[in-house]
Amino acid sequence: MTAAPILVVDDDPKIVTLVRTYLEREGFPVVTAGDGRAALAAVGASPPRLIVLDLMLPELDGLALMRIVRERSEIPIVILSARGSAADRVYGIHEGADDYLVKPFSPAELVVRVKAVLRRTERAPGRPTDRGIIRHGDLAIDLDRLEVRRGDQIIPLTAAEFRLLTALVQTGGRVLTRQVLLDALYGPVQGDALERTIDVHVGRLREKLGEAVDHPRYIATVRGAGYRAVDGTS
């Protein structure tokens, strides 16, 4: 079965051609869209494997498009944007991006990041795994299905949120610094990523798990250090 294509969304034809060329060299099928509405139509017609997304788009801007996509699916999204401030990158991650690369960019680095996101978000079909389920309080973290359940309820997490929760739980309560968590989420290619990004992910994860910062059931903040998992039974 042919893999779903990567959707490249940018209103600059030169960037589209450059990104497409590098991705196709690595064997990825690629489809493209020059504005937000065309991209949304493409996603609706045939969900892509991953979206490389510019933010400053005609018709429908990239952030609005990403919000719509996130309401419907967990398709991995790599933002490729000229907006490079700390606030822009944090906000992009907060809104649901799996990675963020600033223009001007290295197309070879973009390919590396796309591959890294796909490795983190996909499991090869038919590949046997025996990692099983981690129990953490009333949560069941299924490492094969990449699901988190509380009883019969599936808690919808993004790939980054799932990796963050798993990293914390698997250390048995040891404190993990923000930099260690950044490495767990993004790997060495994200060495310049902002530590503030981790706080954004933790905040969204806490919201989905339904816990309050002042009464943590799953994730505790250790001031000046980072975060650690708590037993989930309090």
C-alpha atoms as a PDB file:
ATOM      1  CA  MET A   1       0.000   0.000   0.000  1.00  0.00           C
ATOM      2  CA  THR A   2       1.324   3.429  -0.975  1.00  0.00           C
ATOM      3  CA  ALA A   3       1.905   5.753   1.972  1.00  0.00           C
ATOM      4  CA  ALA A   4      -0.250   8.856   2.243  1.00  0.00           C
ATOM      5  CA  PRO A   5       1.515  11.951   0.875  1.00  0.00           C
ATOM      6  CA  ILE A   6       3.010  14.833   2.778  1.00  0.00           C
ATOM      7  CA  LEU A   7       1.042  18.040   2.237  1.00  0.00           C
ATOM      8  CA  VAL A   8       3.208  21.135   1.729  1.00  0.00           C
ATOM      9  CA  VAL A   9       1.290  24.383   2.239  1.00  0.00           C
ATOM     10  CA  ASP A  10       2.956  27.655   1.230  1.00  0.00           C
ATOM     11  CA  ASP A  11       2.038  30.566  -1.033  1.00  0.00           C
ATOM     12  CA  ASP A  12       5.629  30.932  -2.291  1.00  0.00           C
ATOM     13  CA  PRO A  13       6.070  28.635  -5.323  1.00  0.00           C
ATOM     14  CA  LYS A  14       9.873  28.619  -4.915  1.00  0.00           C
ATOM     15  CA  ILE A  15       9.634  27.306  -1.360  1.00  0.00           C
ATOM     16  CA  VAL A  16       7.037  24.724  -2.391  1.00  0.00           C
ATOM     17  CA  THR A  17       9.321  23.485  -5.182  1.00  0.00           C
ATOM     18  CA  LEU A  18      12.352  23.382  -2.872  1.00  0.00           C
ATOM     19  CA  VAL A  19      10.574  21.478  -0.104  1.00  0.00           C
ATOM     20  CA  ARG A  20       8.925  19.121  -2.568  1.00  0.00           C
ATOM     21  CA  THR A  21      12.232  18.340  -4.265  1.00  0.00           C
ATOM     22  CA  TYR A  22      13.994  17.449  -1.019  1.00  0.00           C
ATOM     23  CA  LEU A  23      11.108  15.358   0.318  1.00  0.00           C
ATOM     24  CA  GLU A  24      10.683  13.458  -2.939  1.00  0.00           C
ATOM     25  CA  ARG A  25      14.413  12.698  -2.994  1.00  0.00           C
ATOM     26  CA  GLU A  26      13.833  10.843   0.274  1.00  0.00           C
ATOM     27  CA  GLY A  27      10.968   8.865  -1.221  1.00  0.00           C
ATOM     28  CA  PHE A  28       8.047  10.811   0.218  1.00  0.00           C
ATOM     29  CA  PRO A  29       5.048  11.402  -2.064  1.00  0.00           C
ATOM     30  CA  VAL A  30       4.089  15.080  -1.911  1.00  0.00           C
ATOM     31  CA  VAL A  31       0.984  17.132  -2.641  1.00  0.00           C
ATOM     32  CA  THR A  32       0.871  20.903  -2.375  1.00  0.00           C
ATOM     33  CA  ALA A  33      -1.504  23.788  -1.700  1.00  0.00           C
ATOM     34  CA  GLY A  34      -0.921  27.521  -2.162  1.00  0.00           C
ATOM     35  CA  ASP A  35      -3.496  28.839   0.311  1.00  0.00           C
ATOM     36  CA  GLY A  36      -5.302  27.793   3.453  1.00  0.00           C
ATOM     37  CA  ARG A  37      -8.647  26.931   1.890  1.00  0.00           C
ATOM     38  CA  ALA A  38      -7.049  24.731  -0.762  1.00  0.00           C
ATOM     39  CA  ALA A  39      -5.076  22.994   1.978  1.00  0.00           C
ATOM     40  CA  LEU A  40      -8.206  22.398   4.037  1.00  0.00           C
ATOM     41  CA  ALA A  41      -9.934  20.911   0.985  1.00  0.00           C
ATOM     42  CA  ALA A  42      -6.936  18.637   0.398  1.00  0.00           C
ATOM     43  CA  VAL A  43      -7.000  17.414   3.998  1.00  0.00           C
ATOM     44  CA  GLY A  44     -10.732  16.714   3.746  1.00  0.00           C
ATOM     45  CA  ALA A  45     -10.401  14.853   0.458  1.00  0.00           C
ATOM     46  CA  SER A  46      -7.529  12.597   1.532  1.00  0.00           C
ATOM     47  CA  PRO A  47      -5.803  12.998   4.934  1.00  0.00           C
ATOM     48  CA  PRO A  48      -2.050  13.438   4.458  1.00  0.00           C
ATOM     49  CA  ARG A  49       0.640  11.663   6.407  1.00  0.00           C
ATOM     50  CA  LEU A  50       2.048  14.976   7.639  1.00  0.00           C
ATOM     51  CA  ILE A  51       1.574  18.691   6.900  1.00  0.00           C
ATOM     52  CA  VAL A  52       4.415  21.172   6.349  1.00  0.00           C
ATOM     53  CA  LEU A  53       2.629  24.435   7.035  1.00  0.00           C
ATOM     54  CA  ASP A  54       3.409  28.106   6.463  1.00  0.00           C
ATOM     55  CA  LEU A  55       1.536  30.482   8.771  1.00  0.00           C
ATOM     56  CA  MET A  56       1.114  33.545   6.578  1.00  0.00           C
ATOM     57  CA  LEU A  57      -1.291  32.205   3.948  1.00  0.00           C
ATOM     58  CA  PRO A  58      -3.982  33.827   1.807  1.00  0.00           C
ATOM     59  CA  GLU A  59      -7.672  32.867   2.140  1.00  0.00           C
ATOM     60  CA  LEU A  60      -7.197  31.101   5.493  1.00  0.00           C
ATOM     61  CA  ASP A  61      -4.105  31.674   7.640  1.00  0.00           C
ATOM     62  CA  GLY A  62      -1.977  28.825   8.887  1.00  0.00           C
ATOM     63  CA  LEU A  63      -2.956  29.054  12.550  1.00  0.00           C
ATOM     64  CA  ALA A  64      -6.662  28.974  11.693  1.00  0.00           C
ATOM     65  CA  LEU A  65      -6.059  25.998   9.414  1.00  0.00           C
ATOM     66  CA  MET A  66      -4.118  24.188  12.131  1.00  0.00           C
ATOM     67  CA  ARG A  67      -6.908  24.734  14.669  1.00  0.00           C
ATOM     68  CA  ILE A  68      -9.457  23.238  12.269  1.00  0.00           C
ATOM     69  CA  VAL A  69      -7.216  20.258  11.530  1.00  0.00           C
ATOM     70  CA  ARG A  70      -6.588  19.703  15.252  1.00  0.00           C
ATOM     71  CA  GLU A  71     -10.329  19.645  15.947  1.00  0.00           C
ATOM     72  CA  ARG A  72     -10.672  16.764  13.508  1.00  0.00           C
ATOM     73  CA  SER A  73      -7.463  14.742  13.699  1.00  0.00           C
ATOM     74  CA  GLU A  74      -3.941  14.350  15.045  1.00  0.00           C
ATOM     75  CA  ILE A  75      -2.174  14.621  11.673  1.00  0.00           C
ATOM     76  CA  PRO A  76       1.428  15.636  12.456  1.00  0.00           C
ATOM     77  CA  ILE A  77       2.150  19.284  11.603  1.00  0.00           C
ATOM     78  CA  VAL A  78       5.539  20.909  11.069  1.00  0.00           C
ATOM     79  CA  ILE A  79       5.326  24.692  10.892  1.00  0.00           C
ATOM     80  CA  LEU A  80       7.682  26.384   8.432  1.00  0.00           C
ATOM     81  CA  SER A  81       7.389  30.122   8.946  1.00  0.00           C
ATOM     82  CA  ALA A  82       9.195  33.440   8.784  1.00  0.00           C
ATOM     83  CA  ARG A  83       7.675  34.243  12.176  1.00  0.00           C
ATOM     84  CA  GLY A  84      10.625  33.368  14.351  1.00  0.00           C
ATOM     85  CA  SER A  85      10.116  35.111  17.679  1.00  0.00           C
ATOM     86  CA  ALA A  86       9.984  33.166  20.918  1.00  0.00           C
ATOM     87  CA  ALA A  87       6.309  34.068  21.304  1.00  0.00           C
ATOM     88  CA  ASP A  88       5.467  32.838  17.802  1.00  0.00           C
ATOM     89  CA  ARG A  89       7.183  29.495  18.333  1.00  0.00           C
ATOM     90  CA  VAL A  90       5.621  28.925  21.737  1.00  0.00           C
ATOM     91  CA  TYR A  91       2.190  29.854  20.383  1.00  0.00           C
ATOM     92  CA  GLY A  92       2.595  27.549  17.392  1.00  0.00           C
ATOM     93  CA  ILE A  93       3.413  24.599  19.649  1.00  0.00           C
ATOM     94  CA  HIS A  94       0.578  25.572  21.992  1.00  0.00           C
ATOM     95  CA  GLU A  95      -1.893  25.486  19.107  1.00  0.00           C
ATOM     96  CA  GLY A  96      -0.890  21.961  18.177  1.00  0.00           C
ATOM     97  CA  ALA A  97       2.244  21.926  16.004  1.00  0.00           C
ATOM     98  CA  ASP A  98       4.612  18.984  16.445  1.00  0.00           C
ATOM     99  CA  ASP A  99       7.651  20.992  15.348  1.00  0.00           C
ATOM    100  CA  TYR A 100       8.538  24.532  14.256  1.00  0.00           C
ATOM    101  CA  LEU A 101      11.242  25.581  11.800  1.00  0.00           C
ATOM    102  CA  VAL A 102      12.006  29.222  11.018  1.00  0.00           C
ATOM    103  CA  LYS A 103      12.685  30.673   7.553  1.00  0.00           C
ATOM    104  CA  PRO A 104      15.252  31.037   6.099  1.00  0.00           C
ATOM    105  CA  PHE A 105      15.793  27.335   6.632  1.00  0.00           C
ATOM    106  CA  SER A 106      17.927  24.404   5.594  1.00  0.00           C
ATOM    107  CA  PRO A 107      15.819  22.025   3.447  1.00  0.00           C
ATOM    108  CA  ALA A 108      18.020  19.152   4.601  1.00  0.00           C
ATOM    109  CA  GLU A 109      17.209  20.003   8.227  1.00  0.00           C
ATOM    110  CA  LEU A 110      13.518  20.146   7.367  1.00  0.00           C
ATOM    111  CA  VAL A 111      13.721  16.603   5.982  1.00  0.00           C
ATOM    112  CA  VAL A 112      15.451  15.439   9.176  1.00  0.00           C
ATOM    113  CA  ARG A 113      12.737  17.012  11.304  1.00  0.00           C
ATOM    114  CA  VAL A 114       9.948  15.530   9.167  1.00  0.00           C
ATOM    115  CA  LYS A 115      11.479  12.084   9.573  1.00  0.00           C
ATOM    116  CA  ALA A 116      11.872  12.618  13.321  1.00  0.00           C
ATOM    117  CA  VAL A 117       8.221  13.635  13.712  1.00  0.00           C
ATOM    118  CA  LEU A 118       7.083  10.609  11.697  1.00  0.00           C
ATOM    119  CA  ARG A 119       9.223   8.277  13.814  1.00  0.00           C
ATOM    120  CA  ARG A 120       7.639   9.671  16.949  1.00  0.00           C
ATOM    121  CA  THR A 121       4.077   9.583  15.694  1.00  0.00           C
ATOM    122  CA  GLU A 122       3.916   6.366  13.717  1.00  0.00           C
ATOM    123  CA  ARG A 123       4.397   2.709  14.455  1.00  0.00           C
ATOM    124  CA  ALA A 124       5.245   0.492  11.523  1.00  0.00           C
ATOM    125  CA  PRO A 125       2.208  -1.659  10.632  1.00  0.00           C
ATOM    126  CA  GLY A 126       2.684  -5.318  11.434  1.00  0.00           C
ATOM    127  CA  ARG A 127       5.759  -4.662  13.555  1.00  0.00           C
ATOM    128  CA  PRO A 128       5.564  -6.784  16.706  1.00  0.00           C
ATOM    129  CA  THR A 129       5.901  -4.900  19.968  1.00  0.00           C
ATOM    130  CA  ASP A 130       5.835  -6.039  23.552  1.00  0.00           C
ATOM    131  CA  ARG A 131       6.142  -2.750  25.356  1.00  0.00           C
ATOM    132  CA  GLY A 132       2.650  -3.204  26.767  1.00  0.00           C
ATOM    133  CA  ILE A 133       0.806  -0.932  29.152  1.00  0.00           C
ATOM    134  CA  ILE A 134       2.117   1.293  31.929  1.00  0.00           C
ATOM    135  CA  ARG A 135      -0.230   1.772  34.889  1.00  0.00           C
ATOM    136  CA  HIS A 136      -0.018   5.139  36.601  1.00  0.00           C
ATOM    137  CA  GLY A 137      -2.705   5.675  39.202  1.00  0.00           C
ATOM    138  CA  ASP A 138      -5.993   5.399  37.328  1.00  0.00           C
ATOM    139  CA  LEU A 139      -4.319   5.888  33.950  1.00  0.00           C
ATOM    140  CA  ALA A 140      -3.427   3.118  31.516  1.00  0.00           C
ATOM    141  CA  ILE A 141      -0.714   4.236  29.080  1.00  0.00           C
ATOM    142  CA  ASP A 142      -0.713   1.890  26.084  1.00  0.00           C
ATOM    143  CA  LEU A 143       2.705   2.117  24.438  1.00  0.00           C
ATOM    144  CA  ASP A 144       1.667  -0.006  21.455  1.00  0.00           C
ATOM    145  CA  ARG A 145      -1.538   1.836  20.582  1.00  0.00           C
ATOM    146  CA  LEU A 146      -0.161   5.216  21.718  1.00  0.00           C
ATOM    147  CA  GLU A 147      -3.304   5.728  23.808  1.00  0.00           C
ATOM    148  CA  VAL A 148      -4.010   6.901  27.337  1.00  0.00           C
ATOM    149  CA  ARG A 149      -7.158   5.629  29.049  1.00  0.00           C
ATOM    150  CA  ARG A 150      -8.908   6.337  32.306  1.00  0.00           C
ATOM    151  CA  GLY A 151     -11.258   3.412  32.728  1.00  0.00           C
ATOM    152  CA  ASP A 152     -13.129   3.100  29.432  1.00  0.00           C
ATOM    153  CA  GLN A 153     -12.417   6.696  28.436  1.00  0.00           C
ATOM    154  CA  ILE A 154      -9.682   7.489  25.931  1.00  0.00           C
ATOM    155  CA  ILE A 155      -7.948  10.777  26.765  1.00  0.00           C
ATOM    156  CA  PRO A 156      -7.055  12.390  23.421  1.00  0.00           C
ATOM    157  CA  LEU A 157      -3.415  13.477  23.525  1.00  0.00           C
ATOM    158  CA  THR A 158      -1.155  14.788  20.804  1.00  0.00           C
ATOM    159  CA  ALA A 159       1.987  12.800  20.029  1.00  0.00           C
ATOM    160  CA  ALA A 160       4.094  15.315  21.968  1.00  0.00           C
ATOM    161  CA  GLU A 161       1.799  15.152  25.015  1.00  0.00           C
ATOM    162  CA  PHE A 162       1.897  11.346  24.948  1.00  0.00           C
ATOM    163  CA  ARG A 163       5.702  11.316  24.816  1.00  0.00           C
ATOM    164  CA  LEU A 164       5.907  13.855  27.637  1.00  0.00           C
ATOM    165  CA  LEU A 165       3.623  11.870  29.923  1.00  0.00           C
ATOM    166  CA  THR A 166       5.438   8.632  29.120  1.00  0.00           C
ATOM    167  CA  ALA A 167       8.859  10.156  29.766  1.00  0.00           C
ATOM    168  CA  LEU A 168       7.773  11.400  33.183  1.00  0.00           C
ATOM    169  CA  VAL A 169       6.017   8.198  34.251  1.00  0.00           C
ATOM    170  CA  GLN A 170       8.814   5.882  33.120  1.00  0.00           C
ATOM    171  CA  THR A 171      11.334   7.610  35.400  1.00  0.00           C
ATOM    172  CA  GLY A 172       9.430   6.571  38.524  1.00  0.00           C
ATOM    173  CA  GLY A 173       9.044  10.020  40.037  1.00  0.00           C
ATOM    174  CA  ARG A 174      12.546  11.318  39.314  1.00  0.00           C
ATOM    175  CA  VAL A 175      12.693  15.032  38.509  1.00  0.00           C
ATOM    176  CA  LEU A 176      13.284  15.765  34.827  1.00  0.00           C
ATOM    177  CA  THR A 177      14.587  19.158  33.791  1.00  0.00           C
ATOM    178  CA  ARG A 178      12.957  21.048  30.941  1.00  0.00           C
ATOM    179  CA  GLN A 179      16.006  20.427  28.766  1.00  0.00           C
ATOM    180  CA  VAL A 180      15.809  16.662  29.347  1.00  0.00           C
ATOM    181  CA  LEU A 181      12.133  16.753  28.430  1.00  0.00           C
ATOM    182  CA  LEU A 182      12.906  18.800  25.309  1.00  0.00           C
ATOM    183  CA  ASP A 183      15.385  16.105  24.270  1.00  0.00           C
ATOM    184  CA  ALA A 184      12.760  13.416  24.881  1.00  0.00           C
ATOM    185  CA  LEU A 185      10.215  15.259  22.763  1.00  0.00           C
ATOM    186  CA  TYR A 186      12.307  16.646  19.934  1.00  0.00           C
ATOM    187  CA  GLY A 187      15.718  14.978  19.961  1.00  0.00           C
ATOM    188  CA  PRO A 188      19.070  16.608  19.229  1.00  0.00           C
ATOM    189  CA  VAL A 189      17.867  18.382  16.062  1.00  0.00           C
ATOM    190  CA  GLN A 190      15.846  20.640  18.357  1.00  0.00           C
ATOM    191  CA  GLY A 191      18.772  21.778  20.465  1.00  0.00           C
ATOM    192  CA  ASP A 192      17.724  25.415  20.157  1.00  0.00           C
ATOM    193  CA  ALA A 193      14.119  24.753  21.139  1.00  0.00           C
ATOM    194  CA  LEU A 194      12.698  26.919  23.902  1.00  0.00           C
ATOM    195  CA  GLU A 195      12.354  25.464  27.379  1.00  0.00           C
ATOM    196  CA  ARG A 196       9.129  27.456  27.660  1.00  0.00           C
ATOM    197  CA  THR A 197       7.681  24.997  25.139  1.00  0.00           C
ATOM    198  CA  ILE A 198       7.719  22.297  27.823  1.00  0.00           C
ATOM    199  CA  ASP A 199       5.611  24.471  30.143  1.00  0.00           C
ATOM    200  CA  VAL A 200       3.072  24.875  27.334  1.00  0.00           C
ATOM    201  CA  HIS A 201       2.900  21.119  26.765  1.00  0.00           C
ATOM    202  CA  VAL A 202       2.587  20.408  30.488  1.00  0.00           C
ATOM    203  CA  GLY A 203      -0.226  22.946  30.799  1.00  0.00           C
ATOM    204  CA  ARG A 204      -2.183  21.379  27.947  1.00  0.00           C
ATOM    205  CA  LEU A 205      -1.536  17.887  29.286  1.00  0.00           C
ATOM    206  CA  ARG A 206      -2.795  18.870  32.733  1.00  0.00           C
ATOM    207  CA  GLU A 207      -5.958  20.316  31.205  1.00  0.00           C
ATOM    208  CA  LYS A 208      -6.668  17.078  29.361  1.00  0.00           C
ATOM    209  CA  LEU A 209      -5.961  14.966  32.433  1.00  0.00           C
ATOM    210  CA  GLY A 210      -8.244  17.219  34.471  1.00  0.00           C
ATOM    211  CA  GLU A 211      -5.814  18.167  37.208  1.00  0.00           C
ATOM    212  CA  ALA A 212      -5.094  21.438  38.967  1.00  0.00           C
ATOM    213  CA  VAL A 213      -1.593  22.839  39.354  1.00  0.00           C
ATOM    214  CA  ASP A 214      -2.050  23.262  43.113  1.00  0.00           C
ATOM    215  CA  HIS A 215      -3.330  19.699  43.549  1.00  0.00           C
ATOM    216  CA  PRO A 216      -1.444  17.520  41.058  1.00  0.00           C
ATOM    217  CA  ARG A 217      -2.567  13.935  40.568  1.00  0.00           C
ATOM    218  CA  TYR A 218      -0.123  13.073  37.800  1.00  0.00           C
ATOM    219  CA  ILE A 219       2.494  15.801  37.211  1.00  0.00           C
ATOM    220  CA  ALA A 220       4.134  17.934  39.910  1.00  0.00           C
ATOM    221  CA  THR A 221       6.153  21.081  39.302  1.00  0.00           C
ATOM    222  CA  VAL A 222       9.509  21.199  41.068  1.00  0.00           C
ATOM    223  CA  ARG A 223      10.411  24.881  41.326  1.00  0.00           C
ATOM    224  CA  GLY A 224      13.705  25.786  39.717  1.00  0.00           C
ATOM    225  CA  ALA A 225      14.212  22.232  38.478  1.00  0.00           C
ATOM    226  CA  GLY A 226      11.497  20.833  36.238  1.00  0.00           C
ATOM    227  CA  TYR A 227       8.708  18.272  36.562  1.00  0.00           C
ATOM    228  CA  ARG A 228       8.147  14.828  38.023  1.00  0.00           C
ATOM    229  CA  ALA A 229       5.384  12.265  37.937  1.00  0.00           C
ATOM    230  CA  VAL A 230       3.301  11.680  41.060  1.00  0.00           C
ATOM    231  CA  ASP A 231       1.401   8.494  41.764  1.00  0.00           C
ATOM    232  CA  GLY A 232      -1.998   9.662  40.513  1.00  0.00           C
ATOM    233  CA  THR A 233      -3.915   8.424  43.534  1.00  0.00           C
ATOM    234  CA  SER A 234      -4.221  11.604  45.597  1.00  0.00           C
END
